[in-house]
Amino acid sequence: MLEKETNDLEFFDGVKETLTALKEQGLLLGVVTDTVHPVSDKLAWFEQAGIGPLWDTFISSYELGMRKPEPGIYHAALEQLGLRPDEALFVGHKISELDEARAVGLKTIAFNYKDNAQADVHIEHFSDLVQALSKLSNLKR
């Protein structure tokens, strides 16, 4: 039952279309996730949703041995992408993760967030991410 629940994922409306649009704009996309599952399992879930091939990096607390908001997990993603913090952004919902991403030097976008979450930009719908990027500069393409 736990395996079935774990494999029964639902994504927010517009995720596939939005990520595809970002990729078509030449942006590098990555995942930084806290999980008890191997990357291969997570990627299989994303493959089922049609977003598996979009990722340029996939950082997992399971493999890395550290969890968000530890700064090293953000640095691992940046290193794999060959980016400086000021060339990247973090989309998140947890206040502690957004705060640490900003402390690392990343631009931040809050989505599905608590009322007091601080970020450079707040979005209500995942599809708003495309327009939100226009408000942020220096993103590496």
N, C-alpha and C. Protein backbone atom coordinates (compact mmCIF):
# COMPACT_ATOMS: atom_id res chain seq x y z
N MET A 1 0.81 -1.19 0.00
CA MET A 1 0.00 0.00 0.00
C MET A 1 0.86 1.26 0.00
N LEU A 2 1.96 1.26 0.79
CA LEU A 2 2.85 2.40 0.83
C LEU A 2 3.50 2.63 -0.53
N GLU A 3 3.91 1.56 -1.20
CA GLU A 3 4.52 1.70 -2.53
C GLU A 3 3.53 2.27 -3.52
N LYS A 4 2.28 1.80 -3.47
CA LYS A 4 1.26 2.32 -4.38
C LYS A 4 1.03 3.80 -4.13
N GLU A 5 0.95 4.20 -2.86
CA GLU A 5 0.76 5.60 -2.50
C GLU A 5 1.94 6.44 -2.97
N THR A 6 3.15 5.93 -2.81
CA THR A 6 4.35 6.63 -3.21
C THR A 6 4.39 6.83 -4.71
N ASN A 7 3.93 5.85 -5.47
CA ASN A 7 3.99 5.92 -6.92
C ASN A 7 2.79 6.65 -7.53
N ASP A 8 1.81 7.01 -6.72
CA ASP A 8 0.61 7.67 -7.20
C ASP A 8 0.77 9.18 -7.01
N LEU A 9 1.54 9.80 -7.92
CA LEU A 9 1.86 11.21 -7.79
C LEU A 9 0.89 12.08 -8.59
N GLU A 10 0.64 13.25 -8.06
CA GLU A 10 -0.13 14.25 -8.78
C GLU A 10 0.70 15.51 -8.84
N PHE A 11 0.74 16.12 -10.02
CA PHE A 11 1.48 17.35 -10.20
C PHE A 11 0.50 18.52 -10.28
N PHE A 12 0.99 19.71 -9.95
CA PHE A 12 0.17 20.91 -10.09
C PHE A 12 -0.16 21.11 -11.56
N ASP A 13 -1.26 21.79 -11.82
CA ASP A 13 -1.64 22.12 -13.19
C ASP A 13 -0.53 22.91 -13.87
N GLY A 14 -0.26 22.56 -15.11
CA GLY A 14 0.69 23.31 -15.92
C GLY A 14 2.15 22.99 -15.72
N VAL A 15 2.48 22.00 -14.90
CA VAL A 15 3.89 21.70 -14.63
C VAL A 15 4.62 21.28 -15.91
N LYS A 16 4.10 20.31 -16.62
CA LYS A 16 4.78 19.81 -17.82
C LYS A 16 4.95 20.93 -18.85
N GLU A 17 3.90 21.67 -19.12
CA GLU A 17 3.95 22.73 -20.12
C GLU A 17 4.92 23.85 -19.71
N THR A 18 4.90 24.19 -18.44
CA THR A 18 5.77 25.26 -17.95
C THR A 18 7.23 24.85 -18.01
N LEU A 19 7.54 23.65 -17.53
CA LEU A 19 8.92 23.18 -17.57
C LEU A 19 9.42 23.05 -19.00
N THR A 20 8.57 22.58 -19.88
CA THR A 20 8.94 22.46 -21.30
C THR A 20 9.23 23.85 -21.88
N ALA A 21 8.40 24.83 -21.57
CA ALA A 21 8.62 26.20 -22.06
C ALA A 21 9.94 26.76 -21.54
N LEU A 22 10.25 26.51 -20.28
CA LEU A 22 11.51 26.99 -19.70
C LEU A 22 12.70 26.34 -20.39
N LYS A 23 12.59 25.06 -20.64
CA LYS A 23 13.66 24.32 -21.32
C LYS A 23 13.86 24.86 -22.73
N GLU A 24 12.75 25.15 -23.42
CA GLU A 24 12.82 25.70 -24.78
C GLU A 24 13.45 27.09 -24.80
N GLN A 25 13.40 27.80 -23.68
CA GLN A 25 14.04 29.12 -23.56
C GLN A 25 15.54 28.98 -23.31
N GLY A 26 16.01 27.75 -23.16
CA GLY A 26 17.43 27.52 -22.96
C GLY A 26 17.88 27.48 -21.51
N LEU A 27 16.94 27.44 -20.59
CA LEU A 27 17.31 27.38 -19.18
C LEU A 27 17.72 25.97 -18.77
N LEU A 28 18.66 25.90 -17.86
CA LEU A 28 19.03 24.62 -17.25
C LEU A 28 18.05 24.38 -16.11
N LEU A 29 17.57 23.15 -16.00
CA LEU A 29 16.60 22.82 -14.96
C LEU A 29 17.16 21.75 -14.04
N GLY A 30 16.88 21.89 -12.77
CA GLY A 30 17.36 20.92 -11.80
C GLY A 30 16.37 20.70 -10.69
N VAL A 31 16.55 19.59 -10.02
CA VAL A 31 15.74 19.22 -8.86
C VAL A 31 16.68 19.09 -7.68
N VAL A 32 16.30 19.68 -6.56
CA VAL A 32 16.97 19.49 -5.28
C VAL A 32 15.88 18.98 -4.36
N THR A 33 15.97 17.72 -3.95
CA THR A 33 14.86 17.12 -3.22
C THR A 33 15.32 16.41 -1.95
N ASP A 34 14.51 16.53 -0.93
CA ASP A 34 14.66 15.72 0.28
C ASP A 34 13.77 14.50 0.08
N THR A 35 14.39 13.34 0.12
CA THR A 35 13.64 12.12 -0.16
C THR A 35 14.31 10.92 0.49
N VAL A 36 13.53 9.89 0.70
CA VAL A 36 14.07 8.62 1.18
C VAL A 36 14.17 7.63 0.03
N HIS A 37 13.90 8.11 -1.19
CA HIS A 37 13.90 7.26 -2.37
C HIS A 37 15.13 7.54 -3.24
N PRO A 38 15.66 6.52 -3.89
CA PRO A 38 16.78 6.73 -4.81
C PRO A 38 16.36 7.61 -5.99
N VAL A 39 17.33 8.29 -6.58
CA VAL A 39 17.08 9.15 -7.74
C VAL A 39 16.40 8.36 -8.85
N SER A 40 16.79 7.12 -9.05
CA SER A 40 16.20 6.32 -10.12
C SER A 40 14.69 6.19 -9.95
N ASP A 41 14.22 6.05 -8.71
CA ASP A 41 12.77 5.98 -8.46
C ASP A 41 12.09 7.31 -8.78
N LYS A 42 12.69 8.40 -8.32
CA LYS A 42 12.11 9.72 -8.56
C LYS A 42 12.07 10.03 -10.06
N LEU A 43 13.15 9.69 -10.76
CA LEU A 43 13.17 9.94 -12.20
C LEU A 43 12.13 9.09 -12.93
N ALA A 44 11.90 7.88 -12.45
CA ALA A 44 10.87 7.03 -13.05
C ALA A 44 9.50 7.68 -12.90
N TRP A 45 9.23 8.29 -11.75
CA TRP A 45 7.96 8.99 -11.54
C TRP A 45 7.84 10.15 -12.53
N PHE A 46 8.95 10.88 -12.70
CA PHE A 46 8.93 12.02 -13.61
C PHE A 46 8.78 11.57 -15.06
N GLU A 47 9.38 10.43 -15.39
CA GLU A 47 9.21 9.86 -16.74
C GLU A 47 7.74 9.59 -17.00
N GLN A 48 7.05 9.01 -16.02
CA GLN A 48 5.62 8.72 -16.17
C GLN A 48 4.82 10.00 -16.42
N ALA A 49 5.26 11.10 -15.84
CA ALA A 49 4.56 12.37 -16.00
C ALA A 49 4.99 13.11 -17.27
N GLY A 50 5.97 12.56 -17.99
CA GLY A 50 6.44 13.19 -19.22
C GLY A 50 7.44 14.30 -19.02
N ILE A 51 8.03 14.39 -17.82
CA ILE A 51 9.02 15.45 -17.55
C ILE A 51 10.39 14.88 -17.20
N GLY A 52 10.58 13.62 -17.39
CA GLY A 52 11.85 12.98 -17.04
C GLY A 52 13.06 13.54 -17.77
N PRO A 53 12.99 13.74 -19.09
CA PRO A 53 14.17 14.18 -19.83
C PRO A 53 14.49 15.68 -19.71
N LEU A 54 13.72 16.42 -18.95
CA LEU A 54 13.92 17.87 -18.87
C LEU A 54 15.04 18.29 -17.92
N TRP A 55 15.47 17.39 -17.05
CA TRP A 55 16.37 17.78 -15.95
C TRP A 55 17.84 17.73 -16.36
N ASP A 56 18.57 18.79 -15.99
CA ASP A 56 20.00 18.85 -16.22
C ASP A 56 20.78 18.40 -14.99
N THR A 57 20.14 18.44 -13.84
CA THR A 57 20.73 17.90 -12.61
C THR A 57 19.60 17.44 -11.70
N PHE A 58 19.92 16.48 -10.87
CA PHE A 58 18.94 15.94 -9.93
C PHE A 58 19.68 15.61 -8.65
N ILE A 59 19.53 16.45 -7.66
CA ILE A 59 20.25 16.31 -6.39
C ILE A 59 19.28 15.75 -5.36
N SER A 60 19.66 14.65 -4.75
CA SER A 60 18.81 13.95 -3.80
C SER A 60 19.49 13.86 -2.44
N SER A 61 18.74 14.20 -1.40
CA SER A 61 19.28 14.07 -0.04
C SER A 61 19.62 12.61 0.25
N TYR A 62 18.90 11.69 -0.35
CA TYR A 62 19.13 10.25 -0.16
C TYR A 62 20.56 9.88 -0.57
N GLU A 63 20.99 10.37 -1.74
CA GLU A 63 22.33 10.05 -2.22
C GLU A 63 23.40 10.97 -1.65
N LEU A 64 23.07 12.24 -1.45
CA LEU A 64 24.07 13.22 -1.02
C LEU A 64 24.37 13.14 0.47
N GLY A 65 23.40 12.69 1.24
CA GLY A 65 23.61 12.56 2.68
C GLY A 65 23.43 13.87 3.44
N MET A 66 22.75 14.81 2.83
CA MET A 66 22.38 16.06 3.53
C MET A 66 21.03 16.50 3.01
N ARG A 67 20.34 17.29 3.83
CA ARG A 67 18.99 17.71 3.50
C ARG A 67 18.91 19.23 3.39
N LYS A 68 17.91 19.68 2.64
CA LYS A 68 17.62 21.11 2.64
C LYS A 68 17.19 21.48 4.05
N PRO A 69 17.56 22.57 4.58
CA PRO A 69 18.19 23.71 3.93
C PRO A 69 19.70 23.78 4.09
N GLU A 70 20.40 22.66 4.26
CA GLU A 70 21.86 22.73 4.36
C GLU A 70 22.42 23.33 3.07
N PRO A 71 23.32 24.31 3.18
CA PRO A 71 23.83 25.00 1.99
C PRO A 71 24.50 24.06 0.98
N GLY A 72 25.11 23.00 1.46
CA GLY A 72 25.82 22.09 0.57
C GLY A 72 24.94 21.45 -0.50
N ILE A 73 23.68 21.26 -0.20
CA ILE A 73 22.79 20.63 -1.17
C ILE A 73 22.53 21.57 -2.36
N TYR A 74 22.43 22.87 -2.08
CA TYR A 74 22.27 23.86 -3.15
C TYR A 74 23.56 23.98 -3.96
N HIS A 75 24.70 23.98 -3.25
CA HIS A 75 25.99 24.09 -3.92
C HIS A 75 26.25 22.87 -4.82
N ALA A 76 25.79 21.71 -4.41
CA ALA A 76 25.96 20.51 -5.24
C ALA A 76 25.25 20.67 -6.58
N ALA A 77 24.05 21.21 -6.55
CA ALA A 77 23.30 21.45 -7.80
C ALA A 77 24.02 22.48 -8.66
N LEU A 78 24.45 23.57 -8.05
CA LEU A 78 25.16 24.61 -8.80
C LEU A 78 26.42 24.07 -9.44
N GLU A 79 27.16 23.25 -8.70
CA GLU A 79 28.39 22.67 -9.21
C GLU A 79 28.11 21.78 -10.43
N GLN A 80 27.10 20.94 -10.33
CA GLN A 80 26.77 20.06 -11.46
C GLN A 80 26.35 20.86 -12.68
N LEU A 81 25.71 21.99 -12.48
CA LEU A 81 25.26 22.82 -13.59
C LEU A 81 26.32 23.79 -14.09
N GLY A 82 27.40 23.94 -13.32
CA GLY A 82 28.46 24.87 -13.69
C GLY A 82 28.03 26.32 -13.55
N LEU A 83 27.22 26.60 -12.53
CA LEU A 83 26.69 27.95 -12.32
C LEU A 83 27.16 28.55 -11.00
N ARG A 84 27.22 29.88 -11.00
CA ARG A 84 27.41 30.61 -9.75
C ARG A 84 26.02 30.85 -9.16
N PRO A 85 25.92 31.07 -7.86
CA PRO A 85 24.60 31.33 -7.26
C PRO A 85 23.84 32.48 -7.90
N ASP A 86 24.52 33.54 -8.31
CA ASP A 86 23.82 34.68 -8.89
C ASP A 86 23.30 34.42 -10.30
N GLU A 87 23.61 33.26 -10.87
CA GLU A 87 23.13 32.88 -12.20
C GLU A 87 21.96 31.91 -12.13
N ALA A 88 21.48 31.63 -10.92
CA ALA A 88 20.46 30.59 -10.75
C ALA A 88 19.37 31.05 -9.81
N LEU A 89 18.30 30.26 -9.78
CA LEU A 89 17.22 30.55 -8.85
C LEU A 89 16.69 29.26 -8.26
N PHE A 90 16.00 29.41 -7.14
CA PHE A 90 15.40 28.29 -6.43
C PHE A 90 13.91 28.55 -6.32
N VAL A 91 13.12 27.58 -6.74
CA VAL A 91 11.67 27.65 -6.57
C VAL A 91 11.32 26.73 -5.42
N GLY A 92 10.67 27.26 -4.41
CA GLY A 92 10.35 26.45 -3.25
C GLY A 92 9.12 26.94 -2.52
N HIS A 93 8.79 26.19 -1.46
CA HIS A 93 7.62 26.55 -0.67
C HIS A 93 7.93 26.65 0.81
N LYS A 94 8.90 25.93 1.29
CA LYS A 94 9.23 25.99 2.72
C LYS A 94 10.06 27.22 3.02
N ILE A 95 9.69 27.89 4.09
CA ILE A 95 10.38 29.12 4.48
C ILE A 95 11.86 28.88 4.71
N SER A 96 12.21 27.82 5.42
CA SER A 96 13.62 27.55 5.72
C SER A 96 14.44 27.31 4.45
N GLU A 97 13.85 26.66 3.47
CA GLU A 97 14.55 26.38 2.22
C GLU A 97 14.73 27.64 1.39
N LEU A 98 13.69 28.46 1.33
CA LEU A 98 13.79 29.74 0.61
C LEU A 98 14.82 30.65 1.28
N ASP A 99 14.81 30.70 2.61
CA ASP A 99 15.76 31.53 3.35
C ASP A 99 17.20 31.10 3.08
N GLU A 100 17.45 29.80 3.13
CA GLU A 100 18.82 29.32 2.93
C GLU A 100 19.25 29.49 1.48
N ALA A 101 18.34 29.28 0.53
CA ALA A 101 18.69 29.49 -0.87
C ALA A 101 19.12 30.94 -1.09
N ARG A 102 18.40 31.89 -0.48
CA ARG A 102 18.79 33.30 -0.57
C ARG A 102 20.14 33.53 0.09
N ALA A 103 20.38 32.88 1.23
CA ALA A 103 21.65 33.04 1.93
C ALA A 103 22.81 32.52 1.09
N VAL A 104 22.56 31.50 0.30
CA VAL A 104 23.58 30.94 -0.61
C VAL A 104 23.85 31.90 -1.77
N GLY A 105 22.88 32.77 -2.07
CA GLY A 105 23.04 33.74 -3.15
C GLY A 105 22.13 33.51 -4.33
N LEU A 106 21.20 32.55 -4.20
CA LEU A 106 20.26 32.26 -5.27
C LEU A 106 19.11 33.26 -5.24
N LYS A 107 18.57 33.57 -6.40
CA LYS A 107 17.30 34.27 -6.47
C LYS A 107 16.25 33.25 -6.03
N THR A 108 15.12 33.72 -5.52
CA THR A 108 14.11 32.79 -5.03
C THR A 108 12.73 33.14 -5.57
N ILE A 109 11.97 32.08 -5.84
CA ILE A 109 10.57 32.21 -6.21
C ILE A 109 9.78 31.30 -5.28
N ALA A 110 8.80 31.88 -4.61
CA ALA A 110 7.95 31.11 -3.70
C ALA A 110 6.69 30.67 -4.43
N PHE A 111 6.40 29.38 -4.36
CA PHE A 111 5.19 28.81 -4.95
C PHE A 111 4.59 27.84 -3.94
N ASN A 112 3.27 27.87 -3.79
CA ASN A 112 2.58 26.99 -2.84
C ASN A 112 3.14 27.20 -1.43
N TYR A 113 3.28 28.45 -1.06
CA TYR A 113 4.04 28.87 0.12
C TYR A 113 3.13 29.29 1.28
N LYS A 114 3.73 29.37 2.44
CA LYS A 114 3.07 29.92 3.62
C LYS A 114 3.04 31.44 3.51
N ASP A 115 2.09 32.07 4.17
CA ASP A 115 1.89 33.51 4.06
C ASP A 115 3.13 34.35 4.34
N ASN A 116 3.96 33.93 5.27
CA ASN A 116 5.11 34.75 5.65
C ASN A 116 6.40 34.34 4.95
N ALA A 117 6.31 33.56 3.88
CA ALA A 117 7.50 33.17 3.12
C ALA A 117 8.07 34.38 2.39
N GLN A 118 9.37 34.58 2.54
CA GLN A 118 10.02 35.68 1.84
C GLN A 118 10.74 35.13 0.62
N ALA A 119 10.59 35.84 -0.50
CA ALA A 119 11.24 35.45 -1.75
C ALA A 119 11.33 36.67 -2.64
N ASP A 120 12.14 36.57 -3.68
CA ASP A 120 12.24 37.68 -4.64
C ASP A 120 10.93 37.85 -5.39
N VAL A 121 10.26 36.73 -5.68
CA VAL A 121 9.00 36.75 -6.41
C VAL A 121 8.10 35.68 -5.80
N HIS A 122 6.81 35.96 -5.72
CA HIS A 122 5.80 34.98 -5.28
C HIS A 122 4.88 34.69 -6.44
N ILE A 123 4.56 33.43 -6.67
CA ILE A 123 3.63 33.07 -7.73
C ILE A 123 2.51 32.21 -7.15
N GLU A 124 1.35 32.33 -7.74
CA GLU A 124 0.18 31.59 -7.28
C GLU A 124 -0.05 30.31 -8.08
N HIS A 125 0.28 30.33 -9.36
CA HIS A 125 0.09 29.18 -10.24
C HIS A 125 1.45 28.80 -10.82
N PHE A 126 1.70 27.51 -10.97
CA PHE A 126 3.00 27.09 -11.47
C PHE A 126 3.30 27.71 -12.83
N SER A 127 2.29 27.86 -13.64
CA SER A 127 2.49 28.45 -14.97
C SER A 127 2.95 29.91 -14.90
N ASP A 128 2.77 30.57 -13.76
CA ASP A 128 3.25 31.94 -13.59
C ASP A 128 4.77 32.01 -13.55
N LEU A 129 5.41 30.87 -13.45
CA LEU A 129 6.87 30.83 -13.36
C LEU A 129 7.53 31.44 -14.59
N VAL A 130 6.99 31.21 -15.76
CA VAL A 130 7.57 31.74 -16.99
C VAL A 130 7.62 33.27 -16.93
N GLN A 131 6.51 33.89 -16.56
CA GLN A 131 6.47 35.36 -16.47
C GLN A 131 7.33 35.86 -15.31
N ALA A 132 7.37 35.13 -14.22
CA ALA A 132 8.16 35.55 -13.06
C ALA A 132 9.64 35.66 -13.39
N LEU A 133 10.11 34.83 -14.30
CA LEU A 133 11.53 34.87 -14.65
C LEU A 133 11.92 36.19 -15.30
N SER A 134 10.97 36.84 -15.94
CA SER A 134 11.28 38.12 -16.56
C SER A 134 11.58 39.19 -15.52
N LYS A 135 11.17 38.97 -14.29
CA LYS A 135 11.43 39.92 -13.20
C LYS A 135 12.81 39.73 -12.58
N LEU A 136 13.47 38.64 -12.95
CA LEU A 136 14.78 38.33 -12.39
C LEU A 136 15.82 38.38 -13.49
N SER A 137 16.98 38.95 -13.20
CA SER A 137 18.01 39.05 -14.21
C SER A 137 19.19 38.13 -13.90
N ASN A 138 20.10 38.05 -14.81
CA ASN A 138 21.34 37.28 -14.66
C ASN A 138 21.18 35.78 -14.69
N LEU A 139 20.03 35.26 -15.09
CA LEU A 139 19.89 33.81 -15.13
C LEU A 139 20.66 33.27 -16.31
N LYS A 140 21.44 32.24 -16.05
CA LYS A 140 22.27 31.62 -17.07
C LYS A 140 21.40 30.80 -18.01
N ARG A 141 21.57 31.01 -19.30
CA ARG A 141 20.85 30.23 -20.32
C ARG A 141 21.82 29.41 -21.11
